[in-house]
Amino acid sequence: MFHWVQGIPFENNQGAYDGLTLWEQIDGGVQFTATRKFLTAVPIALFLLSTHYTHYDFFLFAINFTALLVVLVAKLPVMHRVRIFGINKLDYEMD
């Protein structure tokens, strides 16, 4: 959800955050803050728990690892304000 929903749920921002996802708005876009580190560690912890409780089944490990990679790549600083294949892109450019 952090990487998909754009804008904020309130109407009093005058469109300042319309082109940014919730992840891009956290801490004003500053990278590697405590909040972002925690929200990056949560999927890793869930991955480790899921692999343990599925008894390290290779098929389920591959599914969980693929999902982990997708989530972690989206959180990288290189991906800030990047829309892959134009998915979730607004019709107008934000400055």
PDB file of N, CA and C in Angstrom:
ATOM      1  N   MET A   1       0.806  -1.198   0.000  1.00  0.00           N
ATOM      2  CA  MET A   1       0.000   0.000   0.000  1.00  0.00           C
ATOM      3  C   MET A   1       0.854   1.271   0.000  1.00  0.00           C
ATOM      4  N   PHE A   2       1.998   1.241   0.710  1.00  0.00           N
ATOM      5  CA  PHE A   2       2.833   2.435   0.783  1.00  0.00           C
ATOM      6  C   PHE A   2       3.350   2.861  -0.584  1.00  0.00           C
ATOM      7  N   HIS A   3       3.522   1.897  -1.474  1.00  0.00           N
ATOM      8  CA  HIS A   3       4.125   2.183  -2.774  1.00  0.00           C
ATOM      9  C   HIS A   3       3.090   2.363  -3.874  1.00  0.00           C
ATOM     10  N   TRP A   4       1.818   2.302  -3.543  1.00  0.00           N
ATOM     11  CA  TRP A   4       0.795   2.380  -4.581  1.00  0.00           C
ATOM     12  C   TRP A   4      -0.091   3.622  -4.435  1.00  0.00           C
ATOM     13  N   VAL A   5      -0.571   3.898  -3.237  1.00  0.00           N
ATOM     14  CA  VAL A   5      -1.498   4.996  -2.999  1.00  0.00           C
ATOM     15  C   VAL A   5      -0.765   6.324  -3.128  1.00  0.00           C
ATOM     16  N   GLN A   6      -1.318   7.222  -3.940  1.00  0.00           N
ATOM     17  CA  GLN A   6      -0.692   8.534  -4.116  1.00  0.00           C
ATOM     18  C   GLN A   6      -1.534   9.609  -3.451  1.00  0.00           C
ATOM     19  N   GLY A   7      -0.870  10.672  -3.068  1.00  0.00           N
ATOM     20  CA  GLY A   7      -1.558  11.793  -2.424  1.00  0.00           C
ATOM     21  C   GLY A   7      -1.784  11.513  -0.951  1.00  0.00           C
ATOM     22  N   ILE A   8      -2.606  12.349  -0.320  1.00  0.00           N
ATOM     23  CA  ILE A   8      -2.967  12.139   1.077  1.00  0.00           C
ATOM     24  C   ILE A   8      -4.483  12.121   1.173  1.00  0.00           C
ATOM     25  N   PRO A   9      -5.036  11.550   2.234  1.00  0.00           N
ATOM     26  CA  PRO A   9      -6.486  11.434   2.343  1.00  0.00           C
ATOM     27  C   PRO A   9      -7.195  12.735   2.702  1.00  0.00           C
ATOM     28  N   PHE A  10      -6.459  13.809   2.886  1.00  0.00           N
ATOM     29  CA  PHE A  10      -7.052  15.079   3.272  1.00  0.00           C
ATOM     30  C   PHE A  10      -7.063  16.026   2.076  1.00  0.00           C
ATOM     31  N   GLU A  11      -7.951  16.972   2.092  1.00  0.00           N
ATOM     32  CA  GLU A  11      -8.109  17.884   0.967  1.00  0.00           C
ATOM     33  C   GLU A  11      -7.413  19.228   1.167  1.00  0.00           C
ATOM     34  N   ASN A  12      -6.722  19.430   2.269  1.00  0.00           N
ATOM     35  CA  ASN A  12      -6.157  20.749   2.558  1.00  0.00           C
ATOM     36  C   ASN A  12      -4.682  20.890   2.166  1.00  0.00           C
ATOM     37  N   ASN A  13      -4.169  20.061   1.261  1.00  0.00           N
ATOM     38  CA  ASN A  13      -2.757  20.148   0.905  1.00  0.00           C
ATOM     39  C   ASN A  13      -2.518  20.898  -0.396  1.00  0.00           C
ATOM     40  N   GLN A  14      -3.553  21.320  -1.072  1.00  0.00           N
ATOM     41  CA  GLN A  14      -3.480  22.085  -2.318  1.00  0.00           C
ATOM     42  C   GLN A  14      -2.712  21.340  -3.409  1.00  0.00           C
ATOM     43  N   GLY A  15      -2.748  20.009  -3.359  1.00  0.00           N
ATOM     44  CA  GLY A  15      -2.136  19.210  -4.410  1.00  0.00           C
ATOM     45  C   GLY A  15      -0.641  19.032  -4.308  1.00  0.00           C
ATOM     46  N   ALA A  16      -0.046  19.399  -3.184  1.00  0.00           N
ATOM     47  CA  ALA A  16       1.414  19.320  -3.054  1.00  0.00           C
ATOM     48  C   ALA A  16       1.928  17.884  -3.087  1.00  0.00           C
ATOM     49  N   TYR A  17       1.106  16.933  -2.641  1.00  0.00           N
ATOM     50  CA  TYR A  17       1.562  15.542  -2.560  1.00  0.00           C
ATOM     51  C   TYR A  17       0.821  14.621  -3.526  1.00  0.00           C
ATOM     52  N   ASP A  18       0.163  15.167  -4.514  1.00  0.00           N
ATOM     53  CA  ASP A  18      -0.632  14.353  -5.425  1.00  0.00           C
ATOM     54  C   ASP A  18       0.203  13.353  -6.212  1.00  0.00           C
ATOM     55  N   GLY A  19       1.414  13.681  -6.556  1.00  0.00           N
ATOM     56  CA  GLY A  19       2.242  12.796  -7.361  1.00  0.00           C
ATOM     57  C   GLY A  19       3.139  11.876  -6.566  1.00  0.00           C
ATOM     58  N   LEU A  20       3.069  11.924  -5.230  1.00  0.00           N
ATOM     59  CA  LEU A  20       3.947  11.111  -4.394  1.00  0.00           C
ATOM     60  C   LEU A  20       3.172   9.990  -3.726  1.00  0.00           C
ATOM     61  N   THR A  21       3.809   8.825  -3.637  1.00  0.00           N
ATOM     62  CA  THR A  21       3.196   7.730  -2.896  1.00  0.00           C
ATOM     63  C   THR A  21       3.401   7.966  -1.406  1.00  0.00           C
ATOM     64  N   LEU A  22       2.732   7.175  -0.591  1.00  0.00           N
ATOM     65  CA  LEU A  22       2.881   7.337   0.852  1.00  0.00           C
ATOM     66  C   LEU A  22       4.321   7.076   1.297  1.00  0.00           C
ATOM     67  N   TRP A  23       4.987   6.099   0.659  1.00  0.00           N
ATOM     68  CA  TRP A  23       6.381   5.822   1.005  1.00  0.00           C
ATOM     69  C   TRP A  23       7.275   7.021   0.696  1.00  0.00           C
ATOM     70  N   GLU A  24       7.016   7.694  -0.416  1.00  0.00           N
ATOM     71  CA  GLU A  24       7.831   8.840  -0.807  1.00  0.00           C
ATOM     72  C   GLU A  24       7.587  10.057   0.097  1.00  0.00           C
ATOM     73  N   GLN A  25       6.455  10.077   0.790  1.00  0.00           N
ATOM     74  CA  GLN A  25       6.135  11.195   1.673  1.00  0.00           C
ATOM     75  C   GLN A  25       6.686  11.017   3.087  1.00  0.00           C
ATOM     76  N   ILE A  26       7.035   9.790   3.460  1.00  0.00           N
ATOM     77  CA  ILE A  26       7.494   9.530   4.828  1.00  0.00           C
ATOM     78  C   ILE A  26       8.769  10.322   5.100  1.00  0.00           C
ATOM     79  N   ASP A  27       8.770  11.051   6.202  1.00  0.00           N
ATOM     80  CA  ASP A  27       9.923  11.849   6.646  1.00  0.00           C
ATOM     81  C   ASP A  27      10.391  12.836   5.589  1.00  0.00           C
ATOM     82  N   GLY A  28       9.508  13.336   4.794  1.00  0.00           N
ATOM     83  CA  GLY A  28       9.841  14.353   3.804  1.00  0.00           C
ATOM     84  C   GLY A  28      10.758  13.858   2.701  1.00  0.00           C
ATOM     85  N   GLY A  29      10.788  12.557   2.459  1.00  0.00           N
ATOM     86  CA  GLY A  29      11.628  12.002   1.407  1.00  0.00           C
ATOM     87  C   GLY A  29      13.062  11.740   1.813  1.00  0.00           C
ATOM     88  N   VAL A  30      13.411  12.021   3.071  1.00  0.00           N
ATOM     89  CA  VAL A  30      14.769  11.767   3.554  1.00  0.00           C
ATOM     90  C   VAL A  30      14.962  10.258   3.672  1.00  0.00           C
ATOM     91  N   GLN A  31      16.063   9.760   3.143  1.00  0.00           N
ATOM     92  CA  GLN A  31      16.324   8.322   3.134  1.00  0.00           C
ATOM     93  C   GLN A  31      16.991   7.867   4.432  1.00  0.00           C
ATOM     94  N   PHE A  32      16.797   6.605   4.770  1.00  0.00           N
ATOM     95  CA  PHE A  32      17.461   5.922   5.893  1.00  0.00           C
ATOM     96  C   PHE A  32      17.187   6.561   7.247  1.00  0.00           C
ATOM     97  N   THR A  33      15.968   7.003   7.463  1.00  0.00           N
ATOM     98  CA  THR A  33      15.572   7.459   8.789  1.00  0.00           C
ATOM     99  C   THR A  33      15.137   6.244   9.603  1.00  0.00           C
ATOM    100  N   ALA A  34      14.907   6.435  10.887  1.00  0.00           N
ATOM    101  CA  ALA A  34      14.497   5.324  11.745  1.00  0.00           C
ATOM    102  C   ALA A  34      13.164   4.727  11.287  1.00  0.00           C
ATOM    103  N   THR A  35      12.261   5.567  10.854  1.00  0.00           N
ATOM    104  CA  THR A  35      10.969   5.087  10.388  1.00  0.00           C
ATOM    105  C   THR A  35      11.115   4.215   9.149  1.00  0.00           C
ATOM    106  N   ARG A  36      11.884   4.670   8.199  1.00  0.00           N
ATOM    107  CA  ARG A  36      12.082   3.895   6.968  1.00  0.00           C
ATOM    108  C   ARG A  36      12.845   2.601   7.240  1.00  0.00           C
ATOM    109  N   LYS A  37      13.805   2.645   8.130  1.00  0.00           N
ATOM    110  CA  LYS A  37      14.538   1.423   8.468  1.00  0.00           C
ATOM    111  C   LYS A  37      13.607   0.396   9.106  1.00  0.00           C
ATOM    112  N   PHE A  38      12.735   0.850   9.991  1.00  0.00           N
ATOM    113  CA  PHE A  38      11.783  -0.061  10.621  1.00  0.00           C
ATOM    114  C   PHE A  38      10.837  -0.658   9.582  1.00  0.00           C
ATOM    115  N   LEU A  39      10.303   0.190   8.698  1.00  0.00           N
ATOM    116  CA  LEU A  39       9.372  -0.292   7.685  1.00  0.00           C
ATOM    117  C   LEU A  39      10.054  -1.150   6.625  1.00  0.00           C
ATOM    118  N   THR A  40      11.349  -1.095   6.532  1.00  0.00           N
ATOM    119  CA  THR A  40      12.098  -2.003   5.668  1.00  0.00           C
ATOM    120  C   THR A  40      12.386  -3.315   6.387  1.00  0.00           C
ATOM    121  N   ALA A  41      12.585  -3.256   7.689  1.00  0.00           N
ATOM    122  CA  ALA A  41      12.871  -4.463   8.462  1.00  0.00           C
ATOM    123  C   ALA A  41      11.647  -5.352   8.639  1.00  0.00           C
ATOM    124  N   VAL A  42      10.450  -4.779   8.614  1.00  0.00           N
ATOM    125  CA  VAL A  42       9.232  -5.566   8.817  1.00  0.00           C
ATOM    126  C   VAL A  42       9.072  -6.659   7.749  1.00  0.00           C
ATOM    127  N   PRO A  43       9.189  -6.368   6.439  1.00  0.00           N
ATOM    128  CA  PRO A  43       9.066  -7.452   5.462  1.00  0.00           C
ATOM    129  C   PRO A  43      10.164  -8.507   5.587  1.00  0.00           C
ATOM    130  N   ILE A  44      11.351  -8.093   5.998  1.00  0.00           N
ATOM    131  CA  ILE A  44      12.437  -9.055   6.177  1.00  0.00           C
ATOM    132  C   ILE A  44      12.110 -10.005   7.329  1.00  0.00           C
ATOM    133  N   ALA A  45      11.612  -9.448   8.432  1.00  0.00           N
ATOM    134  CA  ALA A  45      11.219 -10.286   9.571  1.00  0.00           C
ATOM    135  C   ALA A  45      10.073 -11.223   9.184  1.00  0.00           C
ATOM    136  N   LEU A  46       9.096 -10.719   8.438  1.00  0.00           N
ATOM    137  CA  LEU A  46       7.999 -11.576   7.993  1.00  0.00           C
ATOM    138  C   LEU A  46       8.492 -12.681   7.068  1.00  0.00           C
ATOM    139  N   PHE A  47       9.470 -12.378   6.226  1.00  0.00           N
ATOM    140  CA  PHE A  47      10.053 -13.386   5.353  1.00  0.00           C
ATOM    141  C   PHE A  47      10.732 -14.481   6.168  1.00  0.00           C
ATOM    142  N   LEU A  48      11.520 -14.081   7.155  1.00  0.00           N
ATOM    143  CA  LEU A  48      12.206 -15.068   7.981  1.00  0.00           C
ATOM    144  C   LEU A  48      11.222 -15.935   8.758  1.00  0.00           C
ATOM    145  N   LEU A  49      10.179 -15.320   9.293  1.00  0.00           N
ATOM    146  CA  LEU A  49       9.147 -16.086   9.996  1.00  0.00           C
ATOM    147  C   LEU A  49       8.417 -17.040   9.058  1.00  0.00           C
ATOM    148  N   SER A  50       8.086 -16.564   7.873  1.00  0.00           N
ATOM    149  CA  SER A  50       7.338 -17.411   6.942  1.00  0.00           C
ATOM    150  C   SER A  50       8.175 -18.594   6.463  1.00  0.00           C
ATOM    151  N   THR A  51       9.473 -18.387   6.259  1.00  0.00           N
ATOM    152  CA  THR A  51      10.298 -19.518   5.835  1.00  0.00           C
ATOM    153  C   THR A  51      10.464 -20.530   6.968  1.00  0.00           C
ATOM    154  N   HIS A  52      10.535 -20.048   8.185  1.00  0.00           N
ATOM    155  CA  HIS A  52      10.651 -20.968   9.311  1.00  0.00           C
ATOM    156  C   HIS A  52       9.372 -21.788   9.491  1.00  0.00           C
ATOM    157  N   TYR A  53       8.227 -21.139   9.459  1.00  0.00           N
ATOM    158  CA  TYR A  53       6.968 -21.828   9.721  1.00  0.00           C
ATOM    159  C   TYR A  53       6.460 -22.651   8.535  1.00  0.00           C
ATOM    160  N   THR A  54       7.051 -22.485   7.363  1.00  0.00           N
ATOM    161  CA  THR A  54       6.719 -23.375   6.247  1.00  0.00           C
ATOM    162  C   THR A  54       7.743 -24.503   6.148  1.00  0.00           C
ATOM    163  N   HIS A  55       8.581 -24.640   7.166  1.00  0.00           N
ATOM    164  CA  HIS A  55       9.581 -25.708   7.270  1.00  0.00           C
ATOM    165  C   HIS A  55      10.533 -25.719   6.079  1.00  0.00           C
ATOM    166  N   TYR A  56      10.876 -24.528   5.615  1.00  0.00           N
ATOM    167  CA  TYR A  56      11.887 -24.327   4.579  1.00  0.00           C
ATOM    168  C   TYR A  56      11.572 -25.076   3.279  1.00  0.00           C
ATOM    169  N   ASP A  57      10.282 -25.179   2.973  1.00  0.00           N
ATOM    170  CA  ASP A  57       9.853 -25.776   1.706  1.00  0.00           C
ATOM    171  C   ASP A  57      10.365 -24.902   0.553  1.00  0.00           C
ATOM    172  N   PHE A  58      11.016 -25.513  -0.431  1.00  0.00           N
ATOM    173  CA  PHE A  58      11.662 -24.735  -1.491  1.00  0.00           C
ATOM    174  C   PHE A  58      10.659 -23.932  -2.316  1.00  0.00           C
ATOM    175  N   PHE A  59       9.520 -24.516  -2.667  1.00  0.00           N
ATOM    176  CA  PHE A  59       8.520 -23.817  -3.478  1.00  0.00           C
ATOM    177  C   PHE A  59       7.998 -22.577  -2.752  1.00  0.00           C
ATOM    178  N   LEU A  60       7.632 -22.744  -1.488  1.00  0.00           N
ATOM    179  CA  LEU A  60       7.138 -21.603  -0.714  1.00  0.00           C
ATOM    180  C   LEU A  60       8.240 -20.586  -0.444  1.00  0.00           C
ATOM    181  N   PHE A  61       9.466 -21.060  -0.271  1.00  0.00           N
ATOM    182  CA  PHE A  61      10.599 -20.158  -0.111  1.00  0.00           C
ATOM    183  C   PHE A  61      10.764 -19.287  -1.355  1.00  0.00           C
ATOM    184  N   ALA A  62      10.653 -19.894  -2.541  1.00  0.00           N
ATOM    185  CA  ALA A  62      10.801 -19.134  -3.789  1.00  0.00           C
ATOM    186  C   ALA A  62       9.714 -18.073  -3.918  1.00  0.00           C
ATOM    187  N   ILE A  63       8.498 -18.409  -3.572  1.00  0.00           N
ATOM    188  CA  ILE A  63       7.400 -17.433  -3.634  1.00  0.00           C
ATOM    189  C   ILE A  63       7.653 -16.291  -2.649  1.00  0.00           C
ATOM    190  N   ASN A  64       7.999 -16.643  -1.413  1.00  0.00           N
ATOM    191  CA  ASN A  64       8.239 -15.614  -0.391  1.00  0.00           C
ATOM    192  C   ASN A  64       9.450 -14.749  -0.724  1.00  0.00           C
ATOM    193  N   PHE A  65      10.500 -15.349  -1.264  1.00  0.00           N
ATOM    194  CA  PHE A  65      11.701 -14.593  -1.614  1.00  0.00           C
ATOM    195  C   PHE A  65      11.429 -13.627  -2.764  1.00  0.00           C
ATOM    196  N   THR A  66      10.642 -14.071  -3.740  1.00  0.00           N
ATOM    197  CA  THR A  66      10.271 -13.196  -4.853  1.00  0.00           C
ATOM    198  C   THR A  66       9.470 -11.998  -4.352  1.00  0.00           C
ATOM    199  N   ALA A  67       8.513 -12.265  -3.466  1.00  0.00           N
ATOM    200  CA  ALA A  67       7.723 -11.175  -2.892  1.00  0.00           C
ATOM    201  C   ALA A  67       8.602 -10.228  -2.087  1.00  0.00           C
ATOM    202  N   LEU A  68       9.553 -10.770  -1.345  1.00  0.00           N
ATOM    203  CA  LEU A  68      10.470  -9.935  -0.572  1.00  0.00           C
ATOM    204  C   LEU A  68      11.304  -9.039  -1.481  1.00  0.00           C
ATOM    205  N   LEU A  69      11.809  -9.597  -2.568  1.00  0.00           N
ATOM    206  CA  LEU A  69      12.603  -8.798  -3.499  1.00  0.00           C
ATOM    207  C   LEU A  69      11.786  -7.658  -4.108  1.00  0.00           C
ATOM    208  N   VAL A  70      10.551  -7.948  -4.491  1.00  0.00           N
ATOM    209  CA  VAL A  70       9.692  -6.909  -5.067  1.00  0.00           C
ATOM    210  C   VAL A  70       9.476  -5.782  -4.064  1.00  0.00           C
ATOM    211  N   VAL A  71       9.213  -6.144  -2.827  1.00  0.00           N
ATOM    212  CA  VAL A  71       8.958  -5.131  -1.794  1.00  0.00           C
ATOM    213  C   VAL A  71      10.222  -4.332  -1.474  1.00  0.00           C
ATOM    214  N   LEU A  72      11.358  -5.008  -1.368  1.00  0.00           N
ATOM    215  CA  LEU A  72      12.585  -4.303  -1.001  1.00  0.00           C
ATOM    216  C   LEU A  72      13.122  -3.431  -2.136  1.00  0.00           C
ATOM    217  N   VAL A  73      12.980  -3.866  -3.366  1.00  0.00           N
ATOM    218  CA  VAL A  73      13.437  -3.043  -4.494  1.00  0.00           C
ATOM    219  C   VAL A  73      12.636  -1.746  -4.549  1.00  0.00           C
ATOM    220  N   ALA A  74      11.355  -1.825  -4.248  1.00  0.00           N
ATOM    221  CA  ALA A  74      10.519  -0.620  -4.261  1.00  0.00           C
ATOM    222  C   ALA A  74      10.925   0.372  -3.171  1.00  0.00           C
ATOM    223  N   LYS A  75      11.579  -0.093  -2.129  1.00  0.00           N
ATOM    224  CA  LYS A  75      11.986   0.784  -1.033  1.00  0.00           C
ATOM    225  C   LYS A  75      13.371   1.405  -1.223  1.00  0.00           C
ATOM    226  N   LEU A  76      14.107   1.007  -2.230  1.00  0.00           N
ATOM    227  CA  LEU A  76      15.450   1.529  -2.449  1.00  0.00           C
ATOM    228  C   LEU A  76      15.426   3.012  -2.811  1.00  0.00           C
ATOM    229  N   PRO A  77      16.433   3.769  -2.385  1.00  0.00           N
ATOM    230  CA  PRO A  77      16.490   5.195  -2.727  1.00  0.00           C
ATOM    231  C   PRO A  77      16.529   5.449  -4.232  1.00  0.00           C
ATOM    232  N   VAL A  78      17.074   4.526  -4.995  1.00  0.00           N
ATOM    233  CA  VAL A  78      17.134   4.672  -6.451  1.00  0.00           C
ATOM    234  C   VAL A  78      15.736   4.701  -7.062  1.00  0.00           C
ATOM    235  N   MET A  79      14.780   4.082  -6.389  1.00  0.00           N
ATOM    236  CA  MET A  79      13.420   3.990  -6.913  1.00  0.00           C
ATOM    237  C   MET A  79      12.528   5.157  -6.482  1.00  0.00           C
ATOM    238  N   HIS A  80      13.094   6.152  -5.815  1.00  0.00           N
ATOM    239  CA  HIS A  80      12.302   7.304  -5.368  1.00  0.00           C
ATOM    240  C   HIS A  80      11.738   8.060  -6.573  1.00  0.00           C
ATOM    241  N   ARG A  81      10.443   8.193  -6.636  1.00  0.00           N
ATOM    242  CA  ARG A  81       9.686   8.867  -7.698  1.00  0.00           C
ATOM    243  C   ARG A  81       9.827   8.189  -9.068  1.00  0.00           C
ATOM    244  N   VAL A  82      10.178   6.921  -9.088  1.00  0.00           N
ATOM    245  CA  VAL A  82      10.297   6.162 -10.331  1.00  0.00           C
ATOM    246  C   VAL A  82       9.036   5.333 -10.515  1.00  0.00           C
ATOM    247  N   ARG A  83       8.477   5.365 -11.698  1.00  0.00           N
ATOM    248  CA  ARG A  83       7.307   4.556 -12.037  1.00  0.00           C
ATOM    249  C   ARG A  83       7.726   3.580 -13.135  1.00  0.00           C
ATOM    250  N   ILE A  84       7.738   2.297 -12.822  1.00  0.00           N
ATOM    251  CA  ILE A  84       8.163   1.277 -13.781  1.00  0.00           C
ATOM    252  C   ILE A  84       7.051   1.020 -14.778  1.00  0.00           C
ATOM    253  N   PHE A  85       7.381   1.074 -16.055  1.00  0.00           N
ATOM    254  CA  PHE A  85       6.451   0.867 -17.167  1.00  0.00           C
ATOM    255  C   PHE A  85       5.268   1.839 -17.120  1.00  0.00           C
ATOM    256  N   GLY A  86       5.408   2.955 -16.435  1.00  0.00           N
ATOM    257  CA  GLY A  86       4.339   3.941 -16.363  1.00  0.00           C
ATOM    258  C   GLY A  86       3.197   3.553 -15.445  1.00  0.00           C
ATOM    259  N   ILE A  87       3.356   2.472 -14.674  1.00  0.00           N
ATOM    260  CA  ILE A  87       2.308   2.038 -13.749  1.00  0.00           C
ATOM    261  C   ILE A  87       2.209   3.045 -12.616  1.00  0.00           C
ATOM    262  N   ASN A  88       1.001   3.454 -12.293  1.00  0.00           N
ATOM    263  CA  ASN A  88       0.718   4.388 -11.202  1.00  0.00           C
ATOM    264  C   ASN A  88       1.266   5.777 -11.479  1.00  0.00           C
ATOM    265  N   LYS A  89       1.408   6.134 -12.736  1.00  0.00           N
ATOM    266  CA  LYS A  89       1.920   7.445 -13.096  1.00  0.00           C
ATOM    267  C   LYS A  89       0.748   8.404 -13.324  1.00  0.00           C
ATOM    268  N   LEU A  90       0.905   9.635 -12.882  1.00  0.00           N
ATOM    269  CA  LEU A  90      -0.122  10.642 -13.097  1.00  0.00           C
ATOM    270  C   LEU A  90      -0.031  11.147 -14.531  1.00  0.00           C
ATOM    271  N   ASP A  91      -1.126  11.710 -15.025  1.00  0.00           N
ATOM    272  CA  ASP A  91      -1.148  12.219 -16.392  1.00  0.00           C
ATOM    273  C   ASP A  91      -0.332  13.506 -16.551  1.00  0.00           C
ATOM    274  N   TYR A  92      -0.069  14.189 -15.453  1.00  0.00           N
ATOM    275  CA  TYR A  92       0.709  15.421 -15.508  1.00  0.00           C
ATOM    276  C   TYR A  92       1.940  15.268 -14.636  1.00  0.00           C
ATOM    277  N   GLU A  93       2.979  15.994 -14.941  1.00  0.00           N
ATOM    278  CA  GLU A  93       4.251  15.910 -14.208  1.00  0.00           C
ATOM    279  C   GLU A  93       4.220  16.850 -12.999  1.00  0.00           C
ATOM    280  N   MET A  94       4.786  16.368 -11.899  1.00  0.00           N
ATOM    281  CA  MET A  94       4.897  17.187 -10.696  1.00  0.00           C
ATOM    282  C   MET A  94       6.324  17.701 -10.607  1.00  0.00           C
ATOM    283  N   ASP A  95       6.504  18.914 -10.127  1.00  0.00           N
ATOM    284  CA  ASP A  95       7.856  19.473  -9.957  1.00  0.00           C
ATOM    285  C   ASP A  95       8.396  19.134  -8.596  1.00  0.00           C
TER     286      ASP A  95
END
